[in-house]
Protein backbone atom coordinates (compact mmCIF):
# COMPACT_ATOMS: atom_id res chain seq x y z
CA MET A 1 -0.16 0.05 0.25
CA MET A 2 1.55 3.66 -0.89
CA LEU A 3 1.67 5.45 1.70
CA PRO A 4 0.96 9.76 1.18
CA GLU A 5 2.91 12.15 0.10
CA ARG A 6 4.42 14.56 2.67
CA LEU A 7 2.16 18.10 2.88
CA ALA A 8 2.95 20.80 5.02
CA PRO A 9 -0.08 21.92 7.09
CA LEU A 10 -1.69 25.30 5.68
CA PRO A 11 -2.39 28.37 7.80
CA PHE A 12 -4.74 28.78 10.24
CA GLU A 13 -7.91 29.85 8.97
CA ALA A 14 -10.64 29.40 11.21
CA VAL A 15 -14.14 31.66 10.69
CA SER A 16 -16.45 32.36 13.84
CA GLY A 17 -17.59 -12.76 3.70
CA GLY A 18 -18.16 -9.18 1.38
CA PHE A 19 -18.08 -5.95 3.44
CA GLY A 20 -18.45 -8.54 6.40
CA GLU A 21 -20.60 -11.12 5.75
CA GLY A 22 -24.45 -9.24 4.71
CA VAL A 23 -23.52 -5.57 4.42
CA THR A 24 -23.80 -3.66 1.50
CA ARG A 25 -23.78 -0.25 -0.23
CA ARG A 26 -27.54 -0.15 -0.38
CA HIS A 27 -27.76 -0.45 3.95
CA LEU A 28 -25.09 2.54 4.45
CA LEU A 29 -26.08 4.89 1.69
CA ALA A 30 -29.95 4.62 2.80
CA GLY A 31 -28.64 6.02 6.35
CA TRP A 32 -27.99 9.01 8.22
CA THR A 33 -25.96 10.95 5.16
CA SER A 34 -29.03 10.57 3.18
CA MET A 35 -31.18 11.71 6.27
CA LEU A 36 -29.88 14.85 6.79
CA SER A 37 -28.80 16.38 3.71
CA ALA A 38 -32.09 17.40 2.90
CA ALA A 39 -33.01 19.02 5.83
CA LEU A 40 -29.40 21.13 6.54
CA ALA A 41 -27.97 23.33 3.72
CA LEU A 42 -24.17 23.48 3.14
CA GLY A 43 -24.11 26.90 4.70
CA ALA A 44 -22.54 28.18 7.61
CA PRO A 45 -23.46 26.55 10.86
CA ARG A 46 -25.20 29.93 12.54
CA ALA A 47 -27.32 29.65 9.33
CA LEU A 48 -28.72 26.54 9.87
CA ALA A 49 -30.21 27.37 13.01
CA GLN A 50 -33.84 25.82 13.17
CA ALA A 51 -35.89 24.76 16.26
CA SER A 52 -36.11 20.74 14.66
CA VAL A 53 -35.50 19.11 11.56
CA ALA A 54 -38.02 16.63 10.06
CA ALA A 55 -36.88 13.09 9.17
CA PRO A 56 -37.16 11.90 5.22
CA PRO A 57 -39.78 9.55 3.96
CA GLN A 58 -36.38 7.10 3.99
CA ALA A 59 -36.10 7.14 7.46
CA SER A 60 -36.57 4.13 9.82
CA PRO A 61 -39.64 4.50 12.10
CA ARG A 62 -36.41 4.52 15.21
CA ALA A 63 -34.36 7.06 13.16
CA ALA A 64 -37.18 9.03 12.05
CA GLN A 65 -38.38 9.63 16.41
CA HIS A 66 -35.01 10.89 17.11
CA ILE A 67 -34.60 13.30 14.42
CA SER A 68 -37.79 14.92 15.07
CA GLN A 69 -36.64 15.74 18.21
CA LEU A 70 -32.47 16.67 16.48
CA LEU A 71 -31.89 20.49 18.01
CA THR A 72 -29.92 22.77 15.09
CA ASP A 73 -29.52 25.78 16.81
CA VAL A 74 -25.93 26.64 17.99
CA PRO A 75 -26.57 27.79 21.37
CA PRO A 76 -24.31 29.73 23.66
CA PRO A 77 -21.12 29.21 25.05
CA VAL A 78 -20.67 26.90 22.16
CA ALA A 79 -19.03 28.54 18.91
CA VAL A 80 -18.03 27.47 15.73
CA ALA A 81 -15.17 27.85 13.10
CA HIS A 82 -15.98 25.96 9.99
CA SER A 83 -14.66 25.56 6.60
CA ILE A 84 -10.67 25.51 8.16
CA SER A 85 -8.63 23.94 5.73
CA TYR A 86 -6.54 21.20 7.33
CA ARG A 87 -4.51 19.22 3.69
CA LEU A 88 -3.75 20.87 0.68
CA ALA A 89 -6.53 20.29 -2.00
CA ARG A 90 -7.00 21.52 -5.38
CA ARG A 91 -10.09 24.68 -6.32
CA GLU A 92 -11.99 21.58 -7.36
CA ASP A 93 -12.06 19.23 -4.06
CA ALA A 94 -11.11 22.06 -1.74
CA ASP A 95 -13.86 21.39 0.32
CA SER A 96 -13.69 17.45 0.73
CA ARG A 97 -10.48 19.11 3.15
CA ARG A 98 -12.15 20.91 4.96
CA LEU A 99 -12.70 20.81 8.94
CA ASP A 100 -15.67 22.44 11.65
CA ILE A 101 -14.62 23.06 15.05
CA TYR A 102 -17.25 23.00 18.24
CA ARG A 103 -16.33 24.38 20.80
CA ASN A 104 -17.88 25.27 24.54
CA GLN A 105 -16.47 28.79 25.50
CA ASN A 106 -16.44 27.91 28.76
CA VAL A 107 -14.52 25.18 29.10
CA GLY A 108 -10.84 25.77 28.38
CA ARG A 109 -8.35 23.18 26.73
CA ALA A 110 -11.21 20.95 26.57
CA PRO A 111 -10.67 17.08 25.15
CA VAL A 112 -11.25 17.13 21.44
CA LEU A 113 -13.07 14.65 19.80
CA VAL A 114 -12.56 13.98 15.54
CA PHE A 115 -15.46 12.50 14.36
CA PHE A 116 -15.62 10.87 10.58
CA HIS A 117 -18.66 11.23 9.05
CA GLY A 118 -20.06 8.10 7.53
CA GLY A 119 -21.61 7.19 4.00
CA ALA A 120 -19.83 3.99 2.50
CA TRP A 121 -16.97 6.20 1.35
CA ARG A 122 -18.49 8.51 -1.50
CA SER A 123 -20.87 10.44 -0.10
CA GLY A 124 -21.69 12.40 3.11
CA HIS A 125 -20.37 16.33 4.43
CA ARG A 126 -19.36 17.10 7.81
CA ARG A 127 -22.06 19.73 8.32
CA GLN A 128 -25.01 17.21 8.02
CA TYR A 129 -23.02 16.27 11.66
CA LEU A 130 -23.61 19.94 13.12
CA PRO A 131 -26.26 18.50 16.13
CA LEU A 132 -23.78 16.12 16.69
CA GLY A 133 -21.34 19.00 17.13
CA VAL A 134 -23.01 20.87 19.57
CA SER A 135 -24.20 18.12 21.65
CA LEU A 136 -20.50 17.44 22.49
CA ALA A 137 -19.67 20.90 22.72
CA LEU A 138 -22.34 21.15 24.89
CA GLY A 139 -20.93 18.78 27.29
CA GLY A 140 -17.73 20.38 27.28
CA ILE A 141 -15.76 18.61 24.70
CA THR A 142 -14.14 19.99 21.58
CA CYS A 143 -15.54 18.35 18.71
CA VAL A 144 -13.74 18.79 15.24
CA ILE A 145 -15.29 16.65 11.93
CA PRO A 146 -13.57 16.74 8.73
CA SER A 147 -14.67 16.27 5.16
CA TYR A 148 -12.52 13.53 3.30
CA SER A 149 -12.07 12.51 0.11
CA LYS A 150 -14.65 10.03 -1.37
CA ALA A 151 -14.86 7.21 -4.42
CA PRO A 152 -15.04 6.58 -6.92
CA GLY A 153 -12.76 9.87 -7.40
CA TYR A 154 -10.99 8.81 -4.74
CA PRO A 155 -10.65 5.58 -3.55
CA PHE A 156 -8.78 4.13 -0.40
CA PRO A 157 -6.30 5.00 0.72
CA GLU A 158 -6.87 8.63 -0.26
CA PRO A 159 -9.41 9.19 2.79
CA MET A 160 -7.04 7.69 5.30
CA ARG A 161 -4.03 10.30 3.88
CA ASP A 162 -6.83 13.12 4.64
CA ALA A 163 -7.96 11.11 8.17
CA ALA A 164 -4.33 11.36 9.13
CA ALA A 165 -3.94 14.95 7.61
CA ALA A 166 -6.85 15.85 10.08
CA VAL A 167 -5.48 14.33 13.25
CA THR A 168 -2.39 16.00 12.49
CA TRP A 169 -3.35 19.21 11.84
CA VAL A 170 -6.08 19.39 15.41
CA ARG A 171 -2.47 18.10 17.41
CA GLU A 172 -0.66 21.30 15.83
CA ASN A 173 -3.57 23.47 15.77
CA ILE A 174 -6.26 22.58 18.37
CA GLN A 175 -4.68 24.96 21.40
CA ASN A 176 -5.74 27.88 19.42
CA LEU A 177 -9.08 26.86 19.59
CA GLY A 178 -9.89 25.91 23.16
CA GLY A 179 -9.00 22.13 22.41
CA HIS A 180 -5.66 20.34 23.80
CA PRO A 181 -3.63 18.53 21.90
CA ASP A 182 -2.69 16.21 23.94
CA ARG A 183 -6.14 14.90 25.02
CA ILE A 184 -7.18 13.92 21.05
CA PHE A 185 -10.23 10.97 20.35
CA VAL A 186 -11.24 9.99 17.09
CA GLY A 187 -14.54 8.37 16.19
CA GLY A 188 -17.05 7.95 13.27
CA HIS A 189 -20.19 6.43 12.18
CA SER A 190 -20.38 3.63 9.64
CA SER A 191 -17.50 3.99 6.82
CA GLY A 192 -16.35 7.01 9.20
CA ALA A 193 -15.72 4.59 12.12
CA HIS A 194 -13.87 2.15 9.85
CA LEU A 195 -11.17 5.81 9.26
CA ALA A 196 -11.06 6.34 13.13
CA ALA A 197 -10.34 2.25 14.02
CA LEU A 198 -7.57 1.92 11.09
CA LEU A 199 -5.94 4.95 12.15
CA ALA A 200 -5.23 3.92 15.89
CA LEU A 201 -4.76 0.05 13.96
CA ASP A 202 -2.31 0.67 11.24
CA PRO A 203 0.07 3.06 12.00
CA ARG A 204 1.67 3.36 8.63
CA TYR A 205 -1.01 7.05 7.90
CA LEU A 206 -0.32 8.71 11.44
CA GLU A 207 3.34 7.94 10.97
CA PHE A 208 3.58 9.43 7.78
CA HIS A 209 3.29 12.99 9.47
CA PHE A 210 5.93 11.94 12.17
CA GLN A 211 2.96 10.98 14.58
CA GLN A 212 2.25 8.04 16.16
CA PRO A 213 -1.16 6.50 17.26
CA SER A 214 -0.19 6.36 20.87
CA LEU A 215 -0.96 10.28 20.60
CA LEU A 216 -4.80 9.25 20.60
CA ARG A 217 -6.58 8.56 23.86
CA GLY A 218 -9.25 6.40 22.72
CA VAL A 219 -11.51 5.27 19.96
CA ILE A 220 -15.08 5.82 19.49
CA ALA A 221 -16.92 3.74 16.55
CA ILE A 222 -20.71 3.85 15.91
CA SER A 223 -22.11 1.03 14.06
CA GLY A 224 -18.74 0.80 12.77
CA ILE A 225 -17.40 -1.28 9.63
CA PHE A 226 -14.26 -3.14 10.22
CA ALA A 227 -13.57 -5.77 7.24
CA VAL A 228 -14.18 -4.28 3.71
CA GLY A 229 -14.58 -6.37 0.65
CA LYS A 230 -16.63 -7.26 -2.12
CA GLY A 231 -19.78 -4.87 -2.85
CA PHE A 232 -17.48 -1.58 -2.44
CA GLU A 233 -14.34 -2.52 -5.46
CA TYR A 234 -15.46 1.13 -6.37
CA ALA A 235 -13.81 2.66 -2.89
CA PHE A 236 -11.27 -0.60 -2.41
CA GLY A 237 -10.46 -2.00 -5.95
CA SER A 238 -11.08 -5.80 -6.32
CA ASP A 239 -7.75 -7.50 -4.92
CA PRO A 240 -8.50 -9.90 -1.60
CA GLN A 241 -5.28 -8.23 -0.15
CA TYR A 242 -5.99 -5.06 -0.57
CA TRP A 243 -9.08 -5.62 0.91
CA LEU A 244 -6.88 -6.76 3.91
CA GLU A 245 -4.56 -4.46 4.09
CA ALA A 246 -7.91 -1.67 4.37
CA SER A 247 -9.41 -3.72 7.29
CA PRO A 248 -9.05 -2.66 10.57
CA LEU A 249 -9.47 -6.16 12.08
CA HIS A 250 -6.23 -7.38 10.30
CA TYR A 251 -4.48 -4.93 12.25
CA ALA A 252 -6.43 -5.74 15.49
CA GLN A 253 -6.15 -9.95 15.55
CA GLU A 254 -2.01 -9.17 14.62
CA MET A 255 -0.07 -8.20 17.27
CA PRO A 256 -1.27 -4.21 17.69
CA GLN A 257 1.85 -1.92 18.49
CA PRO A 258 2.01 -1.19 21.72
CA GLY A 259 0.48 1.98 22.85
CA THR A 260 -2.59 1.32 20.77
CA PRO A 261 -5.67 3.24 22.21
CA PRO A 262 -8.95 2.24 23.91
CA PHE A 263 -12.05 1.24 22.23
CA LEU A 264 -15.55 1.70 22.34
CA LEU A 265 -17.67 -0.15 20.06
CA LEU A 266 -21.23 1.12 20.45
CA THR A 267 -24.01 -0.50 17.95
CA GLY A 268 -27.62 -1.23 17.51
CA SER A 269 -29.30 -4.46 17.90
CA GLU A 270 -31.28 -3.69 14.32
CA ASP A 271 -28.51 -3.05 12.83
CA ALA A 272 -26.94 -2.94 9.58
CA PRO A 273 -26.50 -6.83 8.40
CA GLY A 274 -22.83 -7.83 9.13
CA ILE A 275 -22.37 -4.73 11.32
CA LEU A 276 -23.02 -7.04 14.42
CA PRO A 277 -20.79 -10.21 13.55
CA GLN A 278 -17.87 -7.61 12.82
CA ASN A 279 -18.05 -5.80 15.88
CA GLN A 280 -17.83 -9.06 17.85
CA ALA A 281 -15.02 -10.58 15.60
CA LEU A 282 -12.62 -7.03 16.58
CA THR A 283 -13.90 -7.03 20.48
CA ASP A 284 -12.81 -10.84 20.78
CA ALA A 285 -9.48 -9.19 18.73
CA LEU A 286 -8.51 -6.58 20.80
CA LYS A 287 -9.53 -8.54 24.34
CA ALA A 288 -6.72 -11.47 22.82
CA ASN A 289 -4.39 -8.66 22.88
CA ARG A 290 -4.94 -7.42 25.57
CA ILE A 291 -6.19 -3.48 23.96
CA PRO A 292 -9.10 -2.28 26.35
CA VAL A 293 -12.26 -2.49 24.60
CA GLU A 294 -15.83 -1.25 26.13
CA THR A 295 -19.01 -2.51 24.28
CA GLU A 296 -22.43 -1.30 24.50
CA THR A 297 -25.44 -2.37 22.14
CA TYR A 298 -28.66 -0.19 22.51
CA ASP A 299 -32.02 -2.03 21.81
CA GLY A 300 -34.21 -1.26 18.68
CA GLU A 301 -31.91 0.93 16.97
CA ASP A 302 -30.85 0.50 13.18
CA HIS A 303 -27.60 1.88 11.52
CA SER A 304 -29.28 5.46 11.01
CA SER A 305 -31.01 5.35 14.41
CA MET A 306 -27.90 4.84 16.07
CA ILE A 307 -26.24 8.24 14.62
CA ALA A 308 -29.25 10.39 15.52
CA LEU A 309 -29.34 9.04 19.14
CA ALA A 310 -26.13 10.08 19.39
CA SER A 311 -26.48 13.49 18.55
CA LEU A 312 -29.34 14.01 20.86
CA ARG A 313 -28.62 16.39 23.71
CA GLN A 314 -29.76 14.59 26.48
CA SER A 315 -29.53 10.54 25.24
CA GLN A 316 -28.10 8.14 26.80
CA LEU A 317 -25.56 7.41 24.11
CA GLN A 318 -24.62 11.03 23.93
CA GLN A 319 -23.64 10.55 27.02
CA ARG A 320 -21.93 7.80 26.77
CA ILE A 321 -19.31 9.08 24.57
CA ARG A 322 -18.97 11.58 26.87
CA ASP A 323 -18.24 9.40 29.91
CA PHE A 324 -15.70 7.57 27.82
CA ILE A 325 -13.59 10.63 26.42
CA LYS A 326 -13.76 12.44 29.83
CA ALA A 327 -12.84 9.00 32.28
CA ARG A 328 -9.35 9.18 29.50
CA ALA A 329 -9.01 12.75 28.51
């Protein structure tokens, strides 16, 4: 696997079997990304403020219930810095290499969660996760949500190169926006959880930036995908060896490097086919190699409803994420 070319950080620009057995692109693309895209435009966060969002017709009943309770305002003391470039890009794809930051102005040098959105590696946008960013900021956690390059124009490993560059940018700059550079966590939903887990388990991406996975305090994976393969050739090609090298489960089953961070794996009992077996396999592999791992499955929740539930300000899932971070920050 080729590693990324060296790119210096840009100046600070802040402004206020298969994809696992049974997991298919249809299950993922019918999820959260398609739901909020109609509800949230891609403008500046404060321009998105409204009382709530309406669930689109394709939402499951459980997801629709959660989405109807989502708030998209940005209340004090939350401040947002948006559209910050974290990696050199051409004009036509510059927005895919930008990030948004949500911080609580009453909390100095807060722990930081870099959260990668889902979308089957080919769709989604950071701005769709405004409710999650605001919820975490209200809980005293600085949340950084990057966009990243997507297939088919930018297949793997380009999204990983972006993920590593985003974490490196956060490490070098977050102290200017209320975050602590030594208290960085990574997380994601679905394919975004794949990126977060691979950053922690395959050191090559962060090593390119002279960093190590040991800089990460923890990994939070919501309905994560940890073994890739058939059905997603558009993102990972057709070589089974390449699929293996792109799968976090492969590295967890080997001997992970010293300093591999602890994991929190969160799933729904009605999650997309293949998600629960993959999460169990990763749990078993991490435990076998004595990597701390915590798991929780939420009864009745599905692939899309999990990220909606995580974004609700007072939900048990949101609190679970806050507790995991604060216990290790």
